[in-house]
All heavy atoms as atom14 arrays in JSON, in Angstrom:
{
  "sequence": "SIRIPIKQDGMFSALLFDGEYKLIVPNGQGPFMWKKTAINTPDSLSV",
  "atom14_mask": [
    [1, 1, 1, 1, 1, 1, 0, 0, 0, 0, 0, 0, 0, 0],
    [1, 1, 1, 1, 1, 1, 1, 1, 0, 0, 0, 0, 0, 0],
    [1, 1, 1, 1, 1, 1, 1, 1, 1, 1, 1, 0, 0, 0],
    [1, 1, 1, 1, 1, 1, 1, 1, 0, 0, 0, 0, 0, 0],
    [1, 1, 1, 1, 1, 1, 1, 0, 0, 0, 0, 0, 0, 0],
    [1, 1, 1, 1, 1, 1, 1, 1, 0, 0, 0, 0, 0, 0],
    [1, 1, 1, 1, 1, 1, 1, 1, 1, 0, 0, 0, 0, 0],
    [1, 1, 1, 1, 1, 1, 1, 1, 1, 0, 0, 0, 0, 0],
    [1, 1, 1, 1, 1, 1, 1, 1, 0, 0, 0, 0, 0, 0],
    [1, 1, 1, 1, 0, 0, 0, 0, 0, 0, 0, 0, 0, 0],
    [1, 1, 1, 1, 1, 1, 1, 1, 0, 0, 0, 0, 0, 0],
    [1, 1, 1, 1, 1, 1, 1, 1, 1, 1, 1, 0, 0, 0],
    [1, 1, 1, 1, 1, 1, 0, 0, 0, 0, 0, 0, 0, 0],
    [1, 1, 1, 1, 1, 0, 0, 0, 0, 0, 0, 0, 0, 0],
    [1, 1, 1, 1, 1, 1, 1, 1, 0, 0, 0, 0, 0, 0],
    [1, 1, 1, 1, 1, 1, 1, 1, 0, 0, 0, 0, 0, 0],
    [1, 1, 1, 1, 1, 1, 1, 1, 1, 1, 1, 0, 0, 0],
    [1, 1, 1, 1, 1, 1, 1, 1, 0, 0, 0, 0, 0, 0],
    [1, 1, 1, 1, 0, 0, 0, 0, 0, 0, 0, 0, 0, 0],
    [1, 1, 1, 1, 1, 1, 1, 1, 1, 0, 0, 0, 0, 0],
    [1, 1, 1, 1, 1, 1, 1, 1, 1, 1, 1, 1, 0, 0],
    [1, 1, 1, 1, 1, 1, 1, 1, 1, 0, 0, 0, 0, 0],
    [1, 1, 1, 1, 1, 1, 1, 1, 0, 0, 0, 0, 0, 0],
    [1, 1, 1, 1, 1, 1, 1, 1, 0, 0, 0, 0, 0, 0],
    [1, 1, 1, 1, 1, 1, 1, 0, 0, 0, 0, 0, 0, 0],
    [1, 1, 1, 1, 1, 1, 1, 0, 0, 0, 0, 0, 0, 0],
    [1, 1, 1, 1, 1, 1, 1, 1, 0, 0, 0, 0, 0, 0],
    [1, 1, 1, 1, 0, 0, 0, 0, 0, 0, 0, 0, 0, 0],
    [1, 1, 1, 1, 1, 1, 1, 1, 1, 0, 0, 0, 0, 0],
    [1, 1, 1, 1, 0, 0, 0, 0, 0, 0, 0, 0, 0, 0],
    [1, 1, 1, 1, 1, 1, 1, 0, 0, 0, 0, 0, 0, 0],
    [1, 1, 1, 1, 1, 1, 1, 1, 1, 1, 1, 0, 0, 0],
    [1, 1, 1, 1, 1, 1, 1, 1, 0, 0, 0, 0, 0, 0],
    [1, 1, 1, 1, 1, 1, 1, 1, 1, 1, 1, 1, 1, 1],
    [1, 1, 1, 1, 1, 1, 1, 1, 1, 0, 0, 0, 0, 0],
    [1, 1, 1, 1, 1, 1, 1, 1, 1, 0, 0, 0, 0, 0],
    [1, 1, 1, 1, 1, 1, 1, 0, 0, 0, 0, 0, 0, 0],
    [1, 1, 1, 1, 1, 0, 0, 0, 0, 0, 0, 0, 0, 0],
    [1, 1, 1, 1, 1, 1, 1, 1, 0, 0, 0, 0, 0, 0],
    [1, 1, 1, 1, 1, 1, 1, 1, 0, 0, 0, 0, 0, 0],
    [1, 1, 1, 1, 1, 1, 1, 0, 0, 0, 0, 0, 0, 0],
    [1, 1, 1, 1, 1, 1, 1, 0, 0, 0, 0, 0, 0, 0],
    [1, 1, 1, 1, 1, 1, 1, 1, 0, 0, 0, 0, 0, 0],
    [1, 1, 1, 1, 1, 1, 0, 0, 0, 0, 0, 0, 0, 0],
    [1, 1, 1, 1, 1, 1, 1, 1, 0, 0, 0, 0, 0, 0],
    [1, 1, 1, 1, 1, 1, 0, 0, 0, 0, 0, 0, 0, 0],
    [1, 1, 1, 1, 1, 1, 1, 0, 0, 0, 0, 0, 0, 0]
  ],
  "atom14_positions": [
    [[15.57, 13.81, 10.11], [14.54, 13.09, 9.29], [13.37, 12.72, 10.2], [13.43, 12.69, 11.43], [15.13, 11.86, 8.67], [15.43, 10.88, 9.64], [0.0, 0.0, 0.0], [0.0, 0.0, 0.0], [0.0, 0.0, 0.0], [0.0, 0.0, 0.0], [0.0, 0.0, 0.0], [0.0, 0.0, 0.0], [0.0, 0.0, 0.0], [0.0, 0.0, 0.0]],
    [[12.24, 12.48, 9.55], [11.06, 11.95, 10.21], [10.91, 10.52, 9.72], [10.78, 10.22, 8.54], [9.81, 12.75, 9.79], [9.96, 14.23, 10.17], [8.58, 12.19, 10.42], [8.92, 15.15, 9.58], [0.0, 0.0, 0.0], [0.0, 0.0, 0.0], [0.0, 0.0, 0.0], [0.0, 0.0, 0.0], [0.0, 0.0, 0.0], [0.0, 0.0, 0.0]],
    [[10.99, 9.57, 10.71], [10.84, 8.15, 10.35], [9.39, 7.73, 10.51], [8.77, 7.96, 11.54], [11.77, 7.31, 11.3], [13.24, 7.5, 11.0], [14.05, 6.47, 11.83], [15.43, 6.54, 11.43], [16.41, 5.7, 11.93], [16.09, 4.81, 12.83], [17.65, 5.84, 11.49], [0.0, 0.0, 0.0], [0.0, 0.0, 0.0], [0.0, 0.0, 0.0]],
    [[8.93, 7.09, 9.47], [7.48, 6.6, 9.47], [7.52, 5.08, 9.33], [7.95, 4.54, 8.32], [6.7, 7.24, 8.29], [6.81, 8.76, 8.34], [5.29, 6.79, 8.35], [6.16, 9.45, 7.17], [0.0, 0.0, 0.0], [0.0, 0.0, 0.0], [0.0, 0.0, 0.0], [0.0, 0.0, 0.0], [0.0, 0.0, 0.0], [0.0, 0.0, 0.0]],
    [[7.07, 4.38, 10.36], [7.09, 2.89, 10.31], [6.03, 2.37, 9.38], [4.95, 2.97, 9.17], [6.81, 2.47, 11.79], [6.04, 3.64, 12.33], [6.59, 4.86, 11.65], [0.0, 0.0, 0.0], [0.0, 0.0, 0.0], [0.0, 0.0, 0.0], [0.0, 0.0, 0.0], [0.0, 0.0, 0.0], [0.0, 0.0, 0.0], [0.0, 0.0, 0.0]],
    [[6.29, 1.19, 8.75], [5.34, 0.52, 7.91], [4.6, -0.52, 8.74], [5.18, -1.37, 9.45], [6.07, -0.18, 6.76], [7.05, 0.81, 5.96], [5.07, -0.74, 5.75], [6.36, 2.03, 5.45], [0.0, 0.0, 0.0], [0.0, 0.0, 0.0], [0.0, 0.0, 0.0], [0.0, 0.0, 0.0], [0.0, 0.0, 0.0], [0.0, 0.0, 0.0]],
    [[3.29, -0.53, 8.64], [2.5, -1.47, 9.37], [2.52, -2.83, 8.67], [2.96, -2.94, 7.55], [1.05, -0.96, 9.5], [0.95, 0.39, 10.25], [-0.47, 0.88, 10.26], [-0.56, 2.28, 10.92], [-1.9, 2.82, 10.92], [0.0, 0.0, 0.0], [0.0, 0.0, 0.0], [0.0, 0.0, 0.0], [0.0, 0.0, 0.0], [0.0, 0.0, 0.0]],
    [[1.98, -3.84, 9.37], [2.07, -5.18, 8.84], [1.21, -5.38, 7.57], [1.47, -6.35, 6.82], [1.65, -6.25, 9.9], [0.2, -6.21, 10.35], [-0.08, -7.3, 11.35], [0.82, -7.86, 11.97], [-1.34, -7.62, 11.54], [0.0, 0.0, 0.0], [0.0, 0.0, 0.0], [0.0, 0.0, 0.0], [0.0, 0.0, 0.0], [0.0, 0.0, 0.0]],
    [[0.28, -4.49, 7.3], [-0.49, -4.58, 6.05], [0.11, -3.79, 4.96], [-0.49, -3.57, 3.9], [-1.93, -4.17, 6.31], [-2.07, -2.74, 6.82], [-1.05, -2.0, 6.98], [-3.21, -2.27, 7.1], [0.0, 0.0, 0.0], [0.0, 0.0, 0.0], [0.0, 0.0, 0.0], [0.0, 0.0, 0.0], [0.0, 0.0, 0.0], [0.0, 0.0, 0.0]],
    [[1.37, -3.27, 5.15], [2.03, -2.52, 4.11], [1.71, -1.03, 4.12], [2.23, -0.28, 3.28], [0.0, 0.0, 0.0], [0.0, 0.0, 0.0], [0.0, 0.0, 0.0], [0.0, 0.0, 0.0], [0.0, 0.0, 0.0], [0.0, 0.0, 0.0], [0.0, 0.0, 0.0], [0.0, 0.0, 0.0], [0.0, 0.0, 0.0], [0.0, 0.0, 0.0]],
    [[0.87, -0.56, 5.05], [0.45, 0.82, 5.04], [1.25, 1.66, 6.0], [1.89, 1.13, 6.91], [-1.02, 0.95, 5.41], [-1.95, 0.26, 4.43], [-3.72, 0.64, 4.65], [-3.73, 2.39, 4.2], [0.0, 0.0, 0.0], [0.0, 0.0, 0.0], [0.0, 0.0, 0.0], [0.0, 0.0, 0.0], [0.0, 0.0, 0.0], [0.0, 0.0, 0.0]],
    [[1.28, 3.0, 5.79], [1.92, 3.91, 6.67], [1.09, 5.13, 6.82], [0.23, 5.47, 5.96], [3.35, 4.27, 6.21], [3.36, 4.97, 4.86], [3.2, 6.32, 4.74], [3.61, 4.25, 3.69], [3.21, 7.01, 3.52], [3.63, 4.87, 2.44], [3.44, 6.24, 2.37], [0.0, 0.0, 0.0], [0.0, 0.0, 0.0], [0.0, 0.0, 0.0]],
    [[1.28, 5.92, 7.91], [0.53, 7.13, 8.1], [1.28, 8.0, 9.05], [1.99, 7.54, 9.96], [-0.88, 6.91, 8.61], [-0.86, 6.29, 9.89], [0.0, 0.0, 0.0], [0.0, 0.0, 0.0], [0.0, 0.0, 0.0], [0.0, 0.0, 0.0], [0.0, 0.0, 0.0], [0.0, 0.0, 0.0], [0.0, 0.0, 0.0], [0.0, 0.0, 0.0]],
    [[1.19, 9.31, 8.88], [1.86, 10.33, 9.76], [1.17, 11.63, 9.65], [0.66, 12.01, 8.57], [3.34, 10.46, 9.44], [0.0, 0.0, 0.0], [0.0, 0.0, 0.0], [0.0, 0.0, 0.0], [0.0, 0.0, 0.0], [0.0, 0.0, 0.0], [0.0, 0.0, 0.0], [0.0, 0.0, 0.0], [0.0, 0.0, 0.0], [0.0, 0.0, 0.0]],
    [[1.08, 12.37, 10.78], [0.58, 13.73, 10.73], [1.76, 14.68, 10.63], [2.72, 14.66, 11.41], [-0.19, 14.02, 12.09], [-1.55, 13.38, 12.19], [-2.18, 13.68, 13.58], [-2.49, 13.87, 11.08], [0.0, 0.0, 0.0], [0.0, 0.0, 0.0], [0.0, 0.0, 0.0], [0.0, 0.0, 0.0], [0.0, 0.0, 0.0], [0.0, 0.0, 0.0]],
    [[1.65, 15.57, 9.6], [2.81, 16.42, 9.29], [2.32, 17.89, 9.07], [1.13, 18.13, 8.85], [3.45, 15.93, 8.0], [3.99, 14.53, 7.96], [4.41, 14.12, 6.58], [5.17, 14.34, 8.91], [0.0, 0.0, 0.0], [0.0, 0.0, 0.0], [0.0, 0.0, 0.0], [0.0, 0.0, 0.0], [0.0, 0.0, 0.0], [0.0, 0.0, 0.0]],
    [[3.28, 18.76, 9.13], [3.03, 20.16, 8.67], [3.07, 20.2, 7.17], [3.79, 19.44, 6.54], [4.04, 21.13, 9.25], [3.98, 21.29, 10.77], [4.9, 20.66, 11.59], [2.95, 21.98, 11.35], [4.9, 20.81, 12.96], [2.87, 22.14, 12.69], [3.81, 21.54, 13.55], [0.0, 0.0, 0.0], [0.0, 0.0, 0.0], [0.0, 0.0, 0.0]],
    [[2.33, 21.1, 6.58], [2.4, 21.29, 5.14], [3.83, 21.74, 4.79], [4.52, 22.44, 5.55], [1.41, 22.34, 4.68], [-0.01, 21.79, 4.63], [-0.19, 20.64, 4.85], [-0.95, 22.64, 4.39], [0.0, 0.0, 0.0], [0.0, 0.0, 0.0], [0.0, 0.0, 0.0], [0.0, 0.0, 0.0], [0.0, 0.0, 0.0], [0.0, 0.0, 0.0]],
    [[4.32, 21.38, 3.64], [5.65, 21.8, 3.19], [6.2, 20.8, 2.2], [5.56, 19.87, 1.75], [0.0, 0.0, 0.0], [0.0, 0.0, 0.0], [0.0, 0.0, 0.0], [0.0, 0.0, 0.0], [0.0, 0.0, 0.0], [0.0, 0.0, 0.0], [0.0, 0.0, 0.0], [0.0, 0.0, 0.0], [0.0, 0.0, 0.0], [0.0, 0.0, 0.0]],
    [[7.42, 21.07, 1.74], [8.09, 20.26, 0.77], [9.06, 19.25, 1.51], [9.82, 19.66, 2.38], [8.92, 21.11, -0.18], [8.05, 21.97, -1.07], [8.83, 22.72, -2.12], [10.03, 22.41, -2.27], [8.33, 23.64, -2.74], [0.0, 0.0, 0.0], [0.0, 0.0, 0.0], [0.0, 0.0, 0.0], [0.0, 0.0, 0.0], [0.0, 0.0, 0.0]],
    [[8.9, 17.96, 1.15], [9.7, 16.93, 1.75], [10.39, 16.1, 0.67], [9.98, 16.03, -0.46], [8.79, 16.0, 2.61], [8.15, 16.63, 3.8], [6.9, 17.3, 3.61], [8.66, 16.52, 5.04], [6.28, 17.87, 4.71], [8.05, 17.11, 6.16], [6.82, 17.8, 5.98], [6.21, 18.35, 7.06], [0.0, 0.0, 0.0], [0.0, 0.0, 0.0]],
    [[11.49, 15.44, 1.12], [12.17, 14.49, 0.32], [11.98, 13.1, 0.95], [12.3, 12.95, 2.13], [13.68, 14.79, 0.21], [14.43, 13.84, -0.68], [15.86, 14.26, -0.8], [16.67, 14.07, 0.51], [18.13, 14.36, 0.36], [0.0, 0.0, 0.0], [0.0, 0.0, 0.0], [0.0, 0.0, 0.0], [0.0, 0.0, 0.0], [0.0, 0.0, 0.0]],
    [[11.43, 12.14, 0.22], [11.11, 10.85, 0.75], [12.15, 9.83, 0.24], [12.44, 9.77, -0.95], [9.73, 10.39, 0.33], [9.19, 9.03, 0.86], [7.68, 9.08, 0.91], [9.65, 7.88, 0.01], [0.0, 0.0, 0.0], [0.0, 0.0, 0.0], [0.0, 0.0, 0.0], [0.0, 0.0, 0.0], [0.0, 0.0, 0.0], [0.0, 0.0, 0.0]],
    [[12.68, 9.05, 1.16], [13.68, 7.98, 0.81], [13.35, 6.7, 1.57], [12.66, 6.78, 2.64], [15.12, 8.42, 1.08], [15.41, 8.49, 2.55], [15.45, 9.67, 0.34], [16.9, 8.6, 2.87], [0.0, 0.0, 0.0], [0.0, 0.0, 0.0], [0.0, 0.0, 0.0], [0.0, 0.0, 0.0], [0.0, 0.0, 0.0], [0.0, 0.0, 0.0]],
    [[13.83, 5.63, 1.06], [13.84, 4.36, 1.81], [15.32, 4.09, 2.09], [16.1, 3.85, 1.17], [13.24, 3.19, 0.98], [13.32, 1.9, 1.81], [11.8, 3.47, 0.6], [0.0, 0.0, 0.0], [0.0, 0.0, 0.0], [0.0, 0.0, 0.0], [0.0, 0.0, 0.0], [0.0, 0.0, 0.0], [0.0, 0.0, 0.0], [0.0, 0.0, 0.0]],
    [[15.76, 4.16, 3.34], [17.18, 4.01, 3.63], [17.72, 2.66, 3.23], [16.98, 1.68, 3.16], [17.18, 4.17, 5.22], [15.93, 4.9, 5.53], [14.93, 4.48, 4.51], [0.0, 0.0, 0.0], [0.0, 0.0, 0.0], [0.0, 0.0, 0.0], [0.0, 0.0, 0.0], [0.0, 0.0, 0.0], [0.0, 0.0, 0.0], [0.0, 0.0, 0.0]],
    [[19.01, 2.65, 2.94], [19.66, 1.39, 2.58], [19.37, 0.33, 3.7], [19.52, 0.63, 4.85], [21.14, 1.57, 2.43], [21.49, 2.36, 1.12], [20.73, 2.28, 0.18], [22.63, 2.98, 1.07], [0.0, 0.0, 0.0], [0.0, 0.0, 0.0], [0.0, 0.0, 0.0], [0.0, 0.0, 0.0], [0.0, 0.0, 0.0], [0.0, 0.0, 0.0]],
    [[19.12, -0.87, 3.28], [18.95, -1.95, 4.23], [17.52, -2.11, 4.75], [17.25, -3.01, 5.54], [0.0, 0.0, 0.0], [0.0, 0.0, 0.0], [0.0, 0.0, 0.0], [0.0, 0.0, 0.0], [0.0, 0.0, 0.0], [0.0, 0.0, 0.0], [0.0, 0.0, 0.0], [0.0, 0.0, 0.0], [0.0, 0.0, 0.0], [0.0, 0.0, 0.0]],
    [[16.61, -1.23, 4.34], [15.23, -1.31, 4.83], [14.39, -2.12, 3.86], [14.34, -1.82, 2.67], [14.65, 0.11, 4.96], [15.18, 0.87, 6.18], [14.67, 0.24, 7.5], [13.54, -0.04, 7.71], [15.69, -0.05, 8.36], [0.0, 0.0, 0.0], [0.0, 0.0, 0.0], [0.0, 0.0, 0.0], [0.0, 0.0, 0.0], [0.0, 0.0, 0.0]],
    [[13.64, -3.07, 4.39], [12.68, -3.81, 3.62], [13.16, -4.96, 2.82], [14.34, -5.02, 2.45], [0.0, 0.0, 0.0], [0.0, 0.0, 0.0], [0.0, 0.0, 0.0], [0.0, 0.0, 0.0], [0.0, 0.0, 0.0], [0.0, 0.0, 0.0], [0.0, 0.0, 0.0], [0.0, 0.0, 0.0], [0.0, 0.0, 0.0], [0.0, 0.0, 0.0]],
    [[12.28, -5.95, 2.57], [12.63, -7.11, 1.7], [12.44, -6.83, 0.24], [11.87, -7.62, -0.52], [11.57, -8.15, 2.22], [10.36, -7.3, 2.51], [10.89, -5.98, 3.08], [0.0, 0.0, 0.0], [0.0, 0.0, 0.0], [0.0, 0.0, 0.0], [0.0, 0.0, 0.0], [0.0, 0.0, 0.0], [0.0, 0.0, 0.0], [0.0, 0.0, 0.0]],
    [[13.0, -5.71, -0.2], [12.84, -5.28, -1.56], [14.0, -4.37, -1.95], [14.8, -3.95, -1.1], [11.5, -4.51, -1.71], [11.31, -3.43, -0.67], [11.96, -2.19, -0.8], [10.45, -3.63, 0.42], [11.79, -1.2, 0.15], [10.27, -2.64, 1.37], [10.96, -1.39, 1.23], [0.0, 0.0, 0.0], [0.0, 0.0, 0.0], [0.0, 0.0, 0.0]],
    [[14.07, -4.04, -3.23], [15.06, -3.13, -3.74], [14.4, -1.75, -3.96], [13.25, -1.7, -4.47], [15.68, -3.61, -5.06], [16.62, -4.79, -4.88], [17.47, -5.24, -6.43], [18.43, -3.74, -6.77], [0.0, 0.0, 0.0], [0.0, 0.0, 0.0], [0.0, 0.0, 0.0], [0.0, 0.0, 0.0], [0.0, 0.0, 0.0], [0.0, 0.0, 0.0]],
    [[15.12, -0.74, -3.63], [14.7, 0.66, -3.79], [15.67, 1.31, -4.74], [16.84, 0.99, -4.76], [14.63, 1.37, -2.47], [14.33, 2.83, -2.54], [15.23, 3.85, -2.2], [13.14, 3.46, -2.87], [14.62, 5.09, -2.35], [13.35, 4.86, -2.82], [11.89, 3.03, -3.28], [12.37, 5.81, -3.13], [10.89, 3.98, -3.61], [11.12, 5.3, -3.49]],
    [[15.17, 2.26, -5.5], [16.03, 2.98, -6.48], [17.22, 3.66, -5.79], [17.11, 4.14, -4.67], [15.19, 4.03, -7.18], [14.06, 3.48, -7.98], [13.19, 4.63, -8.5], [12.48, 5.4, -7.38], [11.61, 6.47, -7.9], [0.0, 0.0, 0.0], [0.0, 0.0, 0.0], [0.0, 0.0, 0.0], [0.0, 0.0, 0.0], [0.0, 0.0, 0.0]],
    [[18.37, 3.59, -6.48], [19.58, 4.23, -5.95], [20.19, 5.16, -6.97], [19.95, 5.06, -8.16], [20.64, 3.15, -5.54], [20.2, 2.27, -4.33], [21.27, 1.35, -3.95], [20.85, 0.51, -2.71], [21.92, -0.39, -2.24], [0.0, 0.0, 0.0], [0.0, 0.0, 0.0], [0.0, 0.0, 0.0], [0.0, 0.0, 0.0], [0.0, 0.0, 0.0]],
    [[21.01, 6.11, -6.43], [21.66, 7.08, -7.31], [22.97, 6.41, -7.85], [23.31, 5.31, -7.5], [22.06, 8.34, -6.51], [23.02, 7.99, -5.5], [20.8, 8.92, -5.85], [0.0, 0.0, 0.0], [0.0, 0.0, 0.0], [0.0, 0.0, 0.0], [0.0, 0.0, 0.0], [0.0, 0.0, 0.0], [0.0, 0.0, 0.0], [0.0, 0.0, 0.0]],
    [[23.67, 7.18, -8.65], [24.9, 6.7, -9.23], [25.99, 6.45, -8.18], [26.9, 5.62, -8.42], [25.44, 7.67, -10.31], [0.0, 0.0, 0.0], [0.0, 0.0, 0.0], [0.0, 0.0, 0.0], [0.0, 0.0, 0.0], [0.0, 0.0, 0.0], [0.0, 0.0, 0.0], [0.0, 0.0, 0.0], [0.0, 0.0, 0.0], [0.0, 0.0, 0.0]],
    [[25.89, 7.05, -7.01], [26.89, 6.83, -5.99], [26.35, 5.89, -4.9], [26.85, 5.89, -3.76], [27.34, 8.2, -5.36], [26.12, 8.94, -4.82], [28.09, 9.03, -6.39], [26.5, 10.19, -4.06], [0.0, 0.0, 0.0], [0.0, 0.0, 0.0], [0.0, 0.0, 0.0], [0.0, 0.0, 0.0], [0.0, 0.0, 0.0], [0.0, 0.0, 0.0]],
    [[25.29, 5.15, -5.24], [24.77, 4.04, -4.38], [24.06, 4.58, -3.13], [23.97, 3.85, -2.15], [25.86, 3.06, -3.99], [25.28, 1.73, -3.63], [24.32, 1.22, -4.32], [25.89, 1.05, -2.66], [0.0, 0.0, 0.0], [0.0, 0.0, 0.0], [0.0, 0.0, 0.0], [0.0, 0.0, 0.0], [0.0, 0.0, 0.0], [0.0, 0.0, 0.0]],
    [[23.59, 5.8, -3.14], [22.79, 6.32, -2.07], [21.29, 6.21, -2.44], [20.99, 6.13, -3.68], [23.14, 7.74, -1.77], [22.88, 8.57, -2.96], [24.58, 7.93, -1.3], [0.0, 0.0, 0.0], [0.0, 0.0, 0.0], [0.0, 0.0, 0.0], [0.0, 0.0, 0.0], [0.0, 0.0, 0.0], [0.0, 0.0, 0.0], [0.0, 0.0, 0.0]],
    [[20.4, 6.13, -1.47], [19.0, 6.0, -1.83], [18.47, 7.18, -2.68], [18.72, 8.34, -2.37], [18.28, 5.97, -0.5], [19.35, 5.57, 0.5], [20.62, 6.15, -0.03], [0.0, 0.0, 0.0], [0.0, 0.0, 0.0], [0.0, 0.0, 0.0], [0.0, 0.0, 0.0], [0.0, 0.0, 0.0], [0.0, 0.0, 0.0], [0.0, 0.0, 0.0]],
    [[17.73, 6.84, -3.71], [17.14, 7.84, -4.52], [15.95, 8.43, -3.73], [15.59, 7.91, -2.68], [16.62, 7.31, -5.87], [16.46, 8.32, -6.94], [16.58, 9.52, -6.58], [16.2, 7.95, -8.11], [0.0, 0.0, 0.0], [0.0, 0.0, 0.0], [0.0, 0.0, 0.0], [0.0, 0.0, 0.0], [0.0, 0.0, 0.0], [0.0, 0.0, 0.0]],
    [[15.38, 9.55, -4.2], [14.38, 10.24, -3.43], [13.17, 10.55, -4.31], [13.24, 10.66, -5.51], [14.89, 11.49, -2.76], [15.3, 12.41, -3.78], [0.0, 0.0, 0.0], [0.0, 0.0, 0.0], [0.0, 0.0, 0.0], [0.0, 0.0, 0.0], [0.0, 0.0, 0.0], [0.0, 0.0, 0.0], [0.0, 0.0, 0.0], [0.0, 0.0, 0.0]],
    [[12.01, 10.74, -3.61], [10.82, 11.22, -4.23], [10.47, 12.58, -3.56], [10.67, 12.74, -2.38], [9.63, 10.25, -3.98], [9.75, 8.85, -4.66], [8.56, 8.03, -4.25], [9.82, 9.02, -6.18], [0.0, 0.0, 0.0], [0.0, 0.0, 0.0], [0.0, 0.0, 0.0], [0.0, 0.0, 0.0], [0.0, 0.0, 0.0], [0.0, 0.0, 0.0]],
    [[9.94, 13.51, -4.32], [9.51, 14.77, -3.82], [8.06, 14.69, -3.36], [7.21, 14.14, -4.11], [9.67, 15.88, -4.86], [11.06, 16.12, -5.14], [0.0, 0.0, 0.0], [0.0, 0.0, 0.0], [0.0, 0.0, 0.0], [0.0, 0.0, 0.0], [0.0, 0.0, 0.0], [0.0, 0.0, 0.0], [0.0, 0.0, 0.0], [0.0, 0.0, 0.0]],
    [[7.8, 15.19, -2.16], [6.45, 15.25, -1.65], [6.15, 16.68, -1.26], [6.8, 17.26, -0.39], [6.32, 14.31, -0.38], [4.9, 14.45, 0.18], [6.65, 12.88, -0.69], [0.0, 0.0, 0.0], [0.0, 0.0, 0.0], [0.0, 0.0, 0.0], [0.0, 0.0, 0.0], [0.0, 0.0, 0.0], [0.0, 0.0, 0.0], [0.0, 0.0, 0.0]]
  ]
}
């Protein structure tokens, strides 16, 4: 995976190659809830 840190203003940025990616927020990350699948793994967004 490629880990992208979140800055203190809530923003993130990364230089990447063009292509198809799957974006997730790993379990235990952040002071918030992220969508999960039926088997309690992080849901994903397509980029």
